[in-house]
PDB file of N, CA and C in Angstrom:
ATOM      1  N   MET A   1      93.661 -19.407 -37.486  1.00  0.00           N
ATOM      2  CA  MET A   1      93.251 -20.745 -37.852  1.00  0.00           C
ATOM      3  C   MET A   1      93.589 -21.001 -39.317  1.00  0.00           C
ATOM      4  N   ALA A   2      94.307 -22.078 -39.564  1.00  0.00           N
ATOM      5  CA  ALA A   2      94.709 -22.425 -40.923  1.00  0.00           C
ATOM      6  C   ALA A   2      93.584 -23.175 -41.623  1.00  0.00           C
ATOM      7  N   LEU A   3      93.426 -22.895 -42.886  1.00  0.00           N
ATOM      8  CA  LEU A   3      92.433 -23.585 -43.694  1.00  0.00           C
ATOM      9  C   LEU A   3      93.067 -24.854 -44.253  1.00  0.00           C
ATOM     10  N   THR A   4      92.447 -26.001 -44.011  1.00  0.00           N
ATOM     11  CA  THR A   4      93.009 -27.269 -44.475  1.00  0.00           C
ATOM     12  C   THR A   4      92.357 -27.692 -45.783  1.00  0.00           C
ATOM     13  N   LYS A   5      92.962 -28.676 -46.437  1.00  0.00           N
ATOM     14  CA  LYS A   5      92.434 -29.169 -47.703  1.00  0.00           C
ATOM     15  C   LYS A   5      91.109 -29.891 -47.543  1.00  0.00           C
ATOM     16  N   PHE A   6      90.932 -30.597 -46.415  1.00  0.00           N
ATOM     17  CA  PHE A   6      89.741 -31.400 -46.202  1.00  0.00           C
ATOM     18  C   PHE A   6      88.942 -30.875 -45.026  1.00  0.00           C
ATOM     19  N   LYS A   7      87.618 -30.978 -45.147  1.00  0.00           N
ATOM     20  CA  LYS A   7      86.706 -30.599 -44.071  1.00  0.00           C
ATOM     21  C   LYS A   7      85.753 -31.754 -43.823  1.00  0.00           C
ATOM     22  N   LYS A   8      85.135 -31.725 -42.661  1.00  0.00           N
ATOM     23  CA  LYS A   8      84.156 -32.742 -42.306  1.00  0.00           C
ATOM     24  C   LYS A   8      83.012 -32.695 -43.316  1.00  0.00           C
ATOM     25  N   GLY A   9      82.640 -33.864 -43.852  1.00  0.00           N
ATOM     26  CA  GLY A   9      81.554 -33.941 -44.824  1.00  0.00           C
ATOM     27  C   GLY A   9      82.007 -33.980 -46.274  1.00  0.00           C
ATOM     28  N   ASP A  10      83.286 -33.712 -46.558  1.00  0.00           N
ATOM     29  CA  ASP A  10      83.807 -33.792 -47.923  1.00  0.00           C
ATOM     30  C   ASP A  10      83.812 -35.244 -48.395  1.00  0.00           C
ATOM     31  N   THR A  11      83.690 -35.433 -49.704  1.00  0.00           N
ATOM     32  CA  THR A  11      83.823 -36.752 -50.291  1.00  0.00           C
ATOM     33  C   THR A  11      85.239 -36.899 -50.815  1.00  0.00           C
ATOM     34  N   VAL A  12      85.898 -37.990 -50.412  1.00  0.00           N
ATOM     35  CA  VAL A  12      87.274 -38.232 -50.828  1.00  0.00           C
ATOM     36  C   VAL A  12      87.407 -39.640 -51.399  1.00  0.00           C
ATOM     37  N   GLN A  13      88.473 -39.846 -52.183  1.00  0.00           N
ATOM     38  CA  GLN A  13      88.775 -41.165 -52.725  1.00  0.00           C
ATOM     39  C   GLN A  13      90.191 -41.535 -52.314  1.00  0.00           C
ATOM     40  N   VAL A  14      90.367 -42.790 -51.879  1.00  0.00           N
ATOM     41  CA  VAL A  14      91.679 -43.275 -51.457  1.00  0.00           C
ATOM     42  C   VAL A  14      92.497 -43.592 -52.698  1.00  0.00           C
ATOM     43  N   ILE A  15      93.751 -43.112 -52.737  1.00  0.00           N
ATOM     44  CA  ILE A  15      94.600 -43.311 -53.913  1.00  0.00           C
ATOM     45  C   ILE A  15      95.717 -44.317 -53.669  1.00  0.00           C
ATOM     46  N   THR A  16      95.898 -44.778 -52.430  1.00  0.00           N
ATOM     47  CA  THR A  16      96.934 -45.761 -52.134  1.00  0.00           C
ATOM     48  C   THR A  16      96.534 -46.603 -50.921  1.00  0.00           C
ATOM     49  N   GLY A  17      97.072 -47.810 -50.847  1.00  0.00           N
ATOM     50  CA  GLY A  17      96.795 -48.675 -49.704  1.00  0.00           C
ATOM     51  C   GLY A  17      95.743 -49.726 -49.992  1.00  0.00           C
ATOM     52  N   LYS A  18      95.291 -50.395 -48.929  1.00  0.00           N
ATOM     53  CA  LYS A  18      94.366 -51.519 -49.084  1.00  0.00           C
ATOM     54  C   LYS A  18      92.982 -51.092 -49.561  1.00  0.00           C
ATOM     55  N   ASP A  19      92.586 -49.832 -49.344  1.00  0.00           N
ATOM     56  CA  ASP A  19      91.275 -49.335 -49.768  1.00  0.00           C
ATOM     57  C   ASP A  19      91.351 -48.501 -51.045  1.00  0.00           C
ATOM     58  N   LYS A  20      92.388 -48.701 -51.856  1.00  0.00           N
ATOM     59  CA  LYS A  20      92.597 -47.897 -53.062  1.00  0.00           C
ATOM     60  C   LYS A  20      91.378 -47.952 -53.983  1.00  0.00           C
ATOM     61  N   GLY A  21      90.925 -46.772 -54.432  1.00  0.00           N
ATOM     62  CA  GLY A  21      89.793 -46.680 -55.351  1.00  0.00           C
ATOM     63  C   GLY A  21      88.455 -46.493 -54.673  1.00  0.00           C
ATOM     64  N   LYS A  22      88.373 -46.666 -53.370  1.00  0.00           N
ATOM     65  CA  LYS A  22      87.106 -46.531 -52.658  1.00  0.00           C
ATOM     66  C   LYS A  22      86.876 -45.079 -52.255  1.00  0.00           C
ATOM     67  N   THR A  23      85.604 -44.688 -52.214  1.00  0.00           N
ATOM     68  CA  THR A  23      85.264 -43.325 -51.810  1.00  0.00           C
ATOM     69  C   THR A  23      84.473 -43.346 -50.508  1.00  0.00           C
ATOM     70  N   GLY A  24      84.504 -42.226 -49.815  1.00  0.00           N
ATOM     71  CA  GLY A  24      83.767 -42.106 -48.570  1.00  0.00           C
ATOM     72  C   GLY A  24      83.739 -40.669 -48.083  1.00  0.00           C
ATOM     73  N   LYS A  25      82.942 -40.435 -47.044  1.00  0.00           N
ATOM     74  CA  LYS A  25      82.813 -39.107 -46.453  1.00  0.00           C
ATOM     75  C   LYS A  25      83.797 -38.933 -45.309  1.00  0.00           C
ATOM     76  N   VAL A  26      84.325 -37.730 -45.173  1.00  0.00           N
ATOM     77  CA  VAL A  26      85.245 -37.429 -44.080  1.00  0.00           C
ATOM     78  C   VAL A  26      84.437 -37.282 -42.798  1.00  0.00           C
ATOM     79  N   LEU A  27      84.785 -38.073 -41.781  1.00  0.00           N
ATOM     80  CA  LEU A  27      84.104 -38.006 -40.496  1.00  0.00           C
ATOM     81  C   LEU A  27      84.771 -37.023 -39.554  1.00  0.00           C
ATOM     82  N   GLU A  28      86.113 -36.982 -39.608  1.00  0.00           N
ATOM     83  CA  GLU A  28      86.857 -36.161 -38.658  1.00  0.00           C
ATOM     84  C   GLU A  28      88.206 -35.790 -39.257  1.00  0.00           C
ATOM     85  N   VAL A  29      88.686 -34.584 -38.938  1.00  0.00           N
ATOM     86  CA  VAL A  29      89.990 -34.123 -39.391  1.00  0.00           C
ATOM     87  C   VAL A  29      90.828 -33.786 -38.172  1.00  0.00           C
ATOM     88  N   ALA A  30      91.999 -34.424 -38.057  1.00  0.00           N
ATOM     89  CA  ALA A  30      92.933 -34.119 -36.971  1.00  0.00           C
ATOM     90  C   ALA A  30      93.939 -33.114 -37.521  1.00  0.00           C
ATOM     91  N   LYS A  31      93.833 -31.864 -37.122  1.00  0.00           N
ATOM     92  CA  LYS A  31      94.636 -30.803 -37.708  1.00  0.00           C
ATOM     93  C   LYS A  31      96.083 -30.818 -37.244  1.00  0.00           C
ATOM     94  N   ASN A  32      96.351 -31.392 -36.064  1.00  0.00           N
ATOM     95  CA  ASN A  32      97.710 -31.330 -35.550  1.00  0.00           C
ATOM     96  C   ASN A  32      98.653 -32.330 -36.214  1.00  0.00           C
ATOM     97  N   ASP A  33      98.164 -33.466 -36.694  1.00  0.00           N
ATOM     98  CA  ASP A  33      99.063 -34.440 -37.321  1.00  0.00           C
ATOM     99  C   ASP A  33      98.664 -34.781 -38.761  1.00  0.00           C
ATOM    100  N   PHE A  34      97.859 -33.973 -39.416  1.00  0.00           N
ATOM    101  CA  PHE A  34      97.490 -34.109 -40.823  1.00  0.00           C
ATOM    102  C   PHE A  34      96.931 -35.485 -41.156  1.00  0.00           C
ATOM    103  N   SER A  35      95.983 -35.943 -40.360  1.00  0.00           N
ATOM    104  CA  SER A  35      95.333 -37.212 -40.638  1.00  0.00           C
ATOM    105  C   SER A  35      93.822 -37.022 -40.606  1.00  0.00           C
ATOM    106  N   ILE A  36      93.117 -37.936 -41.282  1.00  0.00           N
ATOM    107  CA  ILE A  36      91.668 -37.855 -41.374  1.00  0.00           C
ATOM    108  C   ILE A  36      91.051 -39.217 -41.099  1.00  0.00           C
ATOM    109  N   MET A  37      89.763 -39.194 -40.775  1.00  0.00           N
ATOM    110  CA  MET A  37      88.992 -40.421 -40.587  1.00  0.00           C
ATOM    111  C   MET A  37      87.873 -40.401 -41.632  1.00  0.00           C
ATOM    112  N   VAL A  38      87.781 -41.493 -42.412  1.00  0.00           N
ATOM    113  CA  VAL A  38      86.809 -41.571 -43.494  1.00  0.00           C
ATOM    114  C   VAL A  38      85.808 -42.681 -43.183  1.00  0.00           C
ATOM    115  N   GLU A  39      84.541 -42.402 -43.433  1.00  0.00           N
ATOM    116  CA  GLU A  39      83.456 -43.339 -43.143  1.00  0.00           C
ATOM    117  C   GLU A  39      83.604 -44.619 -43.968  1.00  0.00           C
ATOM    118  N   GLY A  40      83.700 -45.767 -43.285  1.00  0.00           N
ATOM    119  CA  GLY A  40      83.764 -47.059 -43.948  1.00  0.00           C
ATOM    120  C   GLY A  40      85.117 -47.434 -44.518  1.00  0.00           C
ATOM    121  N   LEU A  41      86.134 -46.598 -44.364  1.00  0.00           N
ATOM    122  CA  LEU A  41      87.465 -46.884 -44.901  1.00  0.00           C
ATOM    123  C   LEU A  41      88.497 -46.840 -43.784  1.00  0.00           C
ATOM    124  N   GLY A  42      89.590 -47.551 -43.975  1.00  0.00           N
ATOM    125  CA  GLY A  42      90.631 -47.604 -42.957  1.00  0.00           C
ATOM    126  C   GLY A  42      90.150 -48.331 -41.714  1.00  0.00           C
ATOM    127  N   LEU A  43      89.370 -49.384 -41.914  1.00  0.00           N
ATOM    128  CA  LEU A  43      88.779 -50.101 -40.784  1.00  0.00           C
ATOM    129  C   LEU A  43      89.809 -50.981 -40.091  1.00  0.00           C
ATOM    130  N   VAL A  44      89.745 -51.018 -38.769  1.00  0.00           N
ATOM    131  CA  VAL A  44      90.586 -51.902 -37.961  1.00  0.00           C
ATOM    132  C   VAL A  44      89.687 -52.688 -37.016  1.00  0.00           C
ATOM    133  N   ILE A  45      90.181 -53.832 -36.579  1.00  0.00           N
ATOM    134  CA  ILE A  45      89.429 -54.658 -35.635  1.00  0.00           C
ATOM    135  C   ILE A  45      89.994 -54.440 -34.244  1.00  0.00           C
ATOM    136  N   LYS A  46      89.119 -54.080 -33.316  1.00  0.00           N
ATOM    137  CA  LYS A  46      89.503 -53.914 -31.919  1.00  0.00           C
ATOM    138  C   LYS A  46      88.894 -55.058 -31.135  1.00  0.00           C
ATOM    139  N   HIS A  47      89.741 -55.793 -30.425  1.00  0.00           N
ATOM    140  CA  HIS A  47      89.273 -56.902 -29.598  1.00  0.00           C
ATOM    141  C   HIS A  47      88.921 -56.363 -28.226  1.00  0.00           C
ATOM    142  N   ARG A  48      87.706 -56.650 -27.791  1.00  0.00           N
ATOM    143  CA  ARG A  48      87.235 -56.142 -26.501  1.00  0.00           C
ATOM    144  C   ARG A  48      87.058 -57.304 -25.537  1.00  0.00           C
ATOM    145  N   ARG A  49      87.665 -57.178 -24.394  1.00  0.00           N
ATOM    146  CA  ARG A  49      87.584 -58.229 -23.379  1.00  0.00           C
ATOM    147  C   ARG A  49      86.221 -58.220 -22.701  1.00  0.00           C
ATOM    148  N   PRO A  50      85.783 -59.355 -22.202  1.00  0.00           N
ATOM    149  CA  PRO A  50      84.536 -59.363 -21.441  1.00  0.00           C
ATOM    150  C   PRO A  50      84.728 -58.631 -20.113  1.00  0.00           C
ATOM    151  N   ARG A  51      83.760 -57.810 -19.744  1.00  0.00           N
ATOM    152  CA  ARG A  51      83.864 -57.021 -18.518  1.00  0.00           C
ATOM    153  C   ARG A  51      83.157 -57.700 -17.340  1.00  0.00           C
ATOM    154  N   LYS A  52      82.134 -58.446 -17.617  1.00  0.00           N
ATOM    155  CA  LYS A  52      81.386 -59.146 -16.563  1.00  0.00           C
ATOM    156  C   LYS A  52      81.555 -60.649 -16.746  1.00  0.00           C
ATOM    157  N   SER A  53      81.218 -61.406 -15.756  1.00  0.00           N
ATOM    158  CA  SER A  53      81.420 -62.856 -15.813  1.00  0.00           C
ATOM    159  C   SER A  53      80.514 -63.538 -16.840  1.00  0.00           C
ATOM    160  N   ASN A  54      79.327 -63.007 -17.085  1.00  0.00           N
ATOM    161  CA  ASN A  54      78.405 -63.627 -18.036  1.00  0.00           C
ATOM    162  C   ASN A  54      78.484 -63.005 -19.429  1.00  0.00           C
ATOM    163  N   GLU A  55      79.404 -62.100 -19.661  1.00  0.00           N
ATOM    164  CA  GLU A  55      79.534 -61.402 -20.939  1.00  0.00           C
ATOM    165  C   GLU A  55      80.610 -62.072 -21.792  1.00  0.00           C
ATOM    166  N   LYS A  56      80.459 -62.018 -23.125  1.00  0.00           N
ATOM    167  CA  LYS A  56      81.448 -62.572 -24.041  1.00  0.00           C
ATOM    168  C   LYS A  56      82.327 -61.458 -24.598  1.00  0.00           C
ATOM    169  N   GLY A  57      83.517 -61.834 -25.033  1.00  0.00           N
ATOM    170  CA  GLY A  57      84.396 -60.883 -25.704  1.00  0.00           C
ATOM    171  C   GLY A  57      83.864 -60.579 -27.096  1.00  0.00           C
ATOM    172  N   GLN A  58      84.321 -59.474 -27.693  1.00  0.00           N
ATOM    173  CA  GLN A  58      83.810 -59.063 -28.997  1.00  0.00           C
ATOM    174  C   GLN A  58      84.943 -58.602 -29.894  1.00  0.00           C
ATOM    175  N   LYS A  59      84.682 -58.671 -31.198  1.00  0.00           N
ATOM    176  CA  LYS A  59      85.546 -58.048 -32.192  1.00  0.00           C
ATOM    177  C   LYS A  59      84.771 -56.857 -32.737  1.00  0.00           C
ATOM    178  N   LEU A  60      85.249 -55.664 -32.491  1.00  0.00           N
ATOM    179  CA  LEU A  60      84.591 -54.448 -32.964  1.00  0.00           C
ATOM    180  C   LEU A  60      85.351 -53.892 -34.164  1.00  0.00           C
ATOM    181  N   THR A  61      84.647 -53.594 -35.234  1.00  0.00           N
ATOM    182  CA  THR A  61      85.254 -52.980 -36.411  1.00  0.00           C
ATOM    183  C   THR A  61      84.933 -51.497 -36.396  1.00  0.00           C
ATOM    184  N   ARG A  62      86.002 -50.678 -36.503  1.00  0.00           N
ATOM    185  CA  ARG A  62      85.787 -49.236 -36.463  1.00  0.00           C
ATOM    186  C   ARG A  62      86.790 -48.538 -37.365  1.00  0.00           C
ATOM    187  N   PRO A  63      86.449 -47.352 -37.887  1.00  0.00           N
ATOM    188  CA  PRO A  63      87.398 -46.615 -38.722  1.00  0.00           C
ATOM    189  C   PRO A  63      88.492 -45.992 -37.860  1.00  0.00           C
ATOM    190  N   THR A  64      89.645 -45.790 -38.468  1.00  0.00           N
ATOM    191  CA  THR A  64      90.764 -45.174 -37.777  1.00  0.00           C
ATOM    192  C   THR A  64      91.328 -44.036 -38.627  1.00  0.00           C
ATOM    193  N   PHE A  65      92.168 -43.226 -38.026  1.00  0.00           N
ATOM    194  CA  PHE A  65      92.794 -42.124 -38.747  1.00  0.00           C
ATOM    195  C   PHE A  65      93.871 -42.646 -39.688  1.00  0.00           C
ATOM    196  N   PHE A  66      93.989 -42.012 -40.869  1.00  0.00           N
ATOM    197  CA  PHE A  66      95.133 -42.265 -41.733  1.00  0.00           C
ATOM    198  C   PHE A  66      95.538 -40.967 -42.408  1.00  0.00           C
ATOM    199  N   ALA A  67      96.691 -40.962 -43.044  1.00  0.00           N
ATOM    200  CA  ALA A  67      97.305 -39.735 -43.560  1.00  0.00           C
ATOM    201  C   ALA A  67      96.469 -39.091 -44.660  1.00  0.00           C
ATOM    202  N   GLN A  68      96.445 -37.750 -44.660  1.00  0.00           N
ATOM    203  CA  GLN A  68      95.725 -37.006 -45.691  1.00  0.00           C
ATOM    204  C   GLN A  68      96.352 -37.198 -47.063  1.00  0.00           C
ATOM    205  N   SER A  69      97.635 -37.545 -47.098  1.00  0.00           N
ATOM    206  CA  SER A  69      98.324 -37.724 -48.374  1.00  0.00           C
ATOM    207  C   SER A  69      97.841 -38.957 -49.129  1.00  0.00           C
ATOM    208  N   LYS A  70      97.096 -39.853 -48.470  1.00  0.00           N
ATOM    209  CA  LYS A  70      96.597 -41.068 -49.103  1.00  0.00           C
ATOM    210  C   LYS A  70      95.260 -40.871 -49.793  1.00  0.00           C
ATOM    211  N   VAL A  71      94.672 -39.678 -49.711  1.00  0.00           N
ATOM    212  CA  VAL A  71      93.362 -39.438 -50.315  1.00  0.00           C
ATOM    213  C   VAL A  71      93.391 -38.184 -51.177  1.00  0.00           C
ATOM    214  N   MET A  72      92.438 -38.130 -52.122  1.00  0.00           N
ATOM    215  CA  MET A  72      92.238 -36.929 -52.933  1.00  0.00           C
ATOM    216  C   MET A  72      90.773 -36.538 -52.854  1.00  0.00           C
ATOM    217  N   LEU A  73      90.531 -35.254 -52.928  1.00  0.00           N
ATOM    218  CA  LEU A  73      89.181 -34.718 -52.851  1.00  0.00           C
ATOM    219  C   LEU A  73      88.434 -34.964 -54.151  1.00  0.00           C
ATOM    220  N   VAL A  74      87.173 -35.369 -54.043  1.00  0.00           N
ATOM    221  CA  VAL A  74      86.288 -35.472 -55.197  1.00  0.00           C
ATOM    222  C   VAL A  74      85.535 -34.150 -55.260  1.00  0.00           C
ATOM    223  N   CYS A  75      85.755 -33.396 -56.333  1.00  0.00           N
ATOM    224  CA  CYS A  75      85.172 -32.062 -56.463  1.00  0.00           C
ATOM    225  C   CYS A  75      83.645 -32.161 -56.516  1.00  0.00           C
ATOM    226  N   SER A  76      82.977 -31.309 -55.771  1.00  0.00           N
ATOM    227  CA  SER A  76      81.511 -31.318 -55.746  1.00  0.00           C
ATOM    228  C   SER A  76      80.918 -30.728 -57.022  1.00  0.00           C
ATOM    229  N   ASN A  77      81.705 -29.950 -57.759  1.00  0.00           N
ATOM    230  CA  ASN A  77      81.205 -29.331 -58.988  1.00  0.00           C
ATOM    231  C   ASN A  77      81.423 -30.208 -60.221  1.00  0.00           C
ATOM    232  N   CYS A  78      82.669 -30.629 -60.453  1.00  0.00           N
ATOM    233  CA  CYS A  78      82.975 -31.387 -61.668  1.00  0.00           C
ATOM    234  C   CYS A  78      82.961 -32.899 -61.447  1.00  0.00           C
ATOM    235  N   GLY A  79      83.022 -33.357 -60.185  1.00  0.00           N
ATOM    236  CA  GLY A  79      82.957 -34.774 -59.875  1.00  0.00           C
ATOM    237  C   GLY A  79      84.243 -35.544 -60.120  1.00  0.00           C
ATOM    238  N   LYS A  80      85.349 -34.833 -60.381  1.00  0.00           N
ATOM    239  CA  LYS A  80      86.627 -35.477 -60.644  1.00  0.00           C
ATOM    240  C   LYS A  80      87.528 -35.393 -59.419  1.00  0.00           C
ATOM    241  N   LEU A  81      88.529 -36.278 -59.383  1.00  0.00           N
ATOM    242  CA  LEU A  81      89.553 -36.179 -58.346  1.00  0.00           C
ATOM    243  C   LEU A  81      90.405 -34.959 -58.645  1.00  0.00           C
ATOM    244  N   SER A  82      90.673 -34.149 -57.643  1.00  0.00           N
ATOM    245  CA  SER A  82      91.453 -32.948 -57.911  1.00  0.00           C
ATOM    246  C   SER A  82      92.236 -32.522 -56.688  1.00  0.00           C
ATOM    247  N   ARG A  83      93.273 -31.775 -56.955  1.00  0.00           N
ATOM    248  CA  ARG A  83      94.007 -31.127 -55.883  1.00  0.00           C
ATOM    249  C   ARG A  83      93.272 -29.847 -55.533  1.00  0.00           C
ATOM    250  N   VAL A  84      93.604 -29.295 -54.381  1.00  0.00           N
ATOM    251  CA  VAL A  84      92.914 -28.106 -53.894  1.00  0.00           C
ATOM    252  C   VAL A  84      93.938 -27.014 -53.648  1.00  0.00           C
ATOM    253  N   SER A  85      93.640 -25.818 -54.120  1.00  0.00           N
ATOM    254  CA  SER A  85      94.484 -24.668 -53.786  1.00  0.00           C
ATOM    255  C   SER A  85      93.685 -23.757 -52.866  1.00  0.00           C
ATOM    256  N   ILE A  86      94.399 -23.050 -52.015  1.00  0.00           N
ATOM    257  CA  ILE A  86      93.759 -22.120 -51.089  1.00  0.00           C
ATOM    258  C   ILE A  86      94.021 -20.713 -51.602  1.00  0.00           C
ATOM    259  N   VAL A  87      92.925 -20.008 -51.910  1.00  0.00           N
ATOM    260  CA  VAL A  87      93.004 -18.677 -52.517  1.00  0.00           C
ATOM    261  C   VAL A  87      92.478 -17.640 -51.532  1.00  0.00           C
ATOM    262  N   THR A  88      93.213 -16.533 -51.418  1.00  0.00           N
ATOM    263  CA  THR A  88      92.788 -15.439 -50.555  1.00  0.00           C
ATOM    264  C   THR A  88      92.125 -14.365 -51.405  1.00  0.00           C
ATOM    265  N   ALA A  89      90.895 -13.995 -51.047  1.00  0.00           N
ATOM    266  CA  ALA A  89      90.156 -12.961 -51.773  1.00  0.00           C
ATOM    267  C   ALA A  89      90.658 -11.581 -51.359  1.00  0.00           C
ATOM    268  N   GLU A  90      90.168 -10.560 -52.039  1.00  0.00           N
ATOM    269  CA  GLU A  90      90.590  -9.185 -51.748  1.00  0.00           C
ATOM    270  C   GLU A  90      90.198  -8.748 -50.340  1.00  0.00           C
ATOM    271  N   ASN A  91      89.087  -9.274 -49.836  1.00  0.00           N
ATOM    272  CA  ASN A  91      88.634  -8.893 -48.495  1.00  0.00           C
ATOM    273  C   ASN A  91      89.344  -9.693 -47.395  1.00  0.00           C
ATOM    274  N   GLY A  92      90.294 -10.582 -47.771  1.00  0.00           N
ATOM    275  CA  GLY A  92      91.054 -11.355 -46.794  1.00  0.00           C
ATOM    276  C   GLY A  92      90.465 -12.708 -46.474  1.00  0.00           C
ATOM    277  N   GLU A  93      89.335 -13.049 -47.073  1.00  0.00           N
ATOM    278  CA  GLU A  93      88.692 -14.331 -46.818  1.00  0.00           C
ATOM    279  C   GLU A  93      89.348 -15.421 -47.664  1.00  0.00           C
ATOM    280  N   LYS A  94      89.639 -16.577 -47.038  1.00  0.00           N
ATOM    281  CA  LYS A  94      90.275 -17.691 -47.740  1.00  0.00           C
ATOM    282  C   LYS A  94      89.225 -18.711 -48.174  1.00  0.00           C
ATOM    283  N   SER A  95      89.457 -19.313 -49.324  1.00  0.00           N
ATOM    284  CA  SER A  95      88.544 -20.344 -49.820  1.00  0.00           C
ATOM    285  C   SER A  95      89.337 -21.429 -50.536  1.00  0.00           C
ATOM    286  N   ARG A  96      88.737 -22.628 -50.635  1.00  0.00           N
ATOM    287  CA  ARG A  96      89.354 -23.745 -51.329  1.00  0.00           C
ATOM    288  C   ARG A  96      88.863 -23.769 -52.768  1.00  0.00           C
ATOM    289  N   VAL A  97      89.795 -23.944 -53.719  1.00  0.00           N
ATOM    290  CA  VAL A  97      89.453 -23.921 -55.135  1.00  0.00           C
ATOM    291  C   VAL A  97      89.951 -25.200 -55.794  1.00  0.00           C
ATOM    292  N   CYS A  98      89.086 -25.806 -56.607  1.00  0.00           N
ATOM    293  CA  CYS A  98      89.429 -27.020 -57.358  1.00  0.00           C
ATOM    294  C   CYS A  98      90.426 -26.656 -58.469  1.00  0.00           C
ATOM    295  N   LYS A  99      91.484 -27.454 -58.629  1.00  0.00           N
ATOM    296  CA  LYS A  99      92.496 -27.198 -59.650  1.00  0.00           C
ATOM    297  C   LYS A  99      92.002 -27.556 -61.048  1.00  0.00           C
ATOM    298  N   LYS A 100      90.989 -28.424 -61.171  1.00  0.00           N
ATOM    299  CA  LYS A 100      90.506 -28.856 -62.480  1.00  0.00           C
ATOM    300  C   LYS A 100      89.506 -27.867 -63.081  1.00  0.00           C
ATOM    301  N   CYS A 101      88.505 -27.449 -62.270  1.00  0.00           N
ATOM    302  CA  CYS A 101      87.439 -26.591 -62.822  1.00  0.00           C
ATOM    303  C   CYS A 101      87.526 -25.144 -62.336  1.00  0.00           C
ATOM    304  N   ASN A 102      88.472 -24.839 -61.460  1.00  0.00           N
ATOM    305  CA  ASN A 102      88.680 -23.485 -60.919  1.00  0.00           C
ATOM    306  C   ASN A 102      87.459 -22.896 -60.247  1.00  0.00           C
ATOM    307  N   ARG A 103      86.657 -23.732 -59.587  1.00  0.00           N
ATOM    308  CA  ARG A 103      85.503 -23.260 -58.834  1.00  0.00           C
ATOM    309  C   ARG A 103      85.730 -23.495 -57.351  1.00  0.00           C
ATOM    310  N   THR A 104      85.044 -22.742 -56.532  1.00  0.00           N
ATOM    311  CA  THR A 104      85.153 -22.902 -55.074  1.00  0.00           C
ATOM    312  C   THR A 104      84.515 -24.206 -54.647  1.00  0.00           C
ATOM    313  N   VAL A 105      85.216 -24.947 -53.812  1.00  0.00           N
ATOM    314  CA  VAL A 105      84.715 -26.228 -53.326  1.00  0.00           C
ATOM    315  C   VAL A 105      83.859 -25.987 -52.097  1.00  0.00           C
TER     316      VAL A 105
END
């Protein structure tokens, strides 16, 4: 299993696109195509047809997946935007390390 830059529950900030500058929590990580879903960001409108004769159609707003390259991790220790390096310890255990403060994320 490969260790990815982002995990569920991380705080990230969008660096490009319509939500540039906004922060949010990672809801889901799709490991096969390097995309993530962030709470409250990357929202799309889904039009839902009425299913019954007395029901009305709806516009549902929901988050969608977007590329991991569009976000940067907000370090939990220093609070800055930073890149993440993956470091292997002597015992073979891998961990994510902040490039700014050199602490484990």
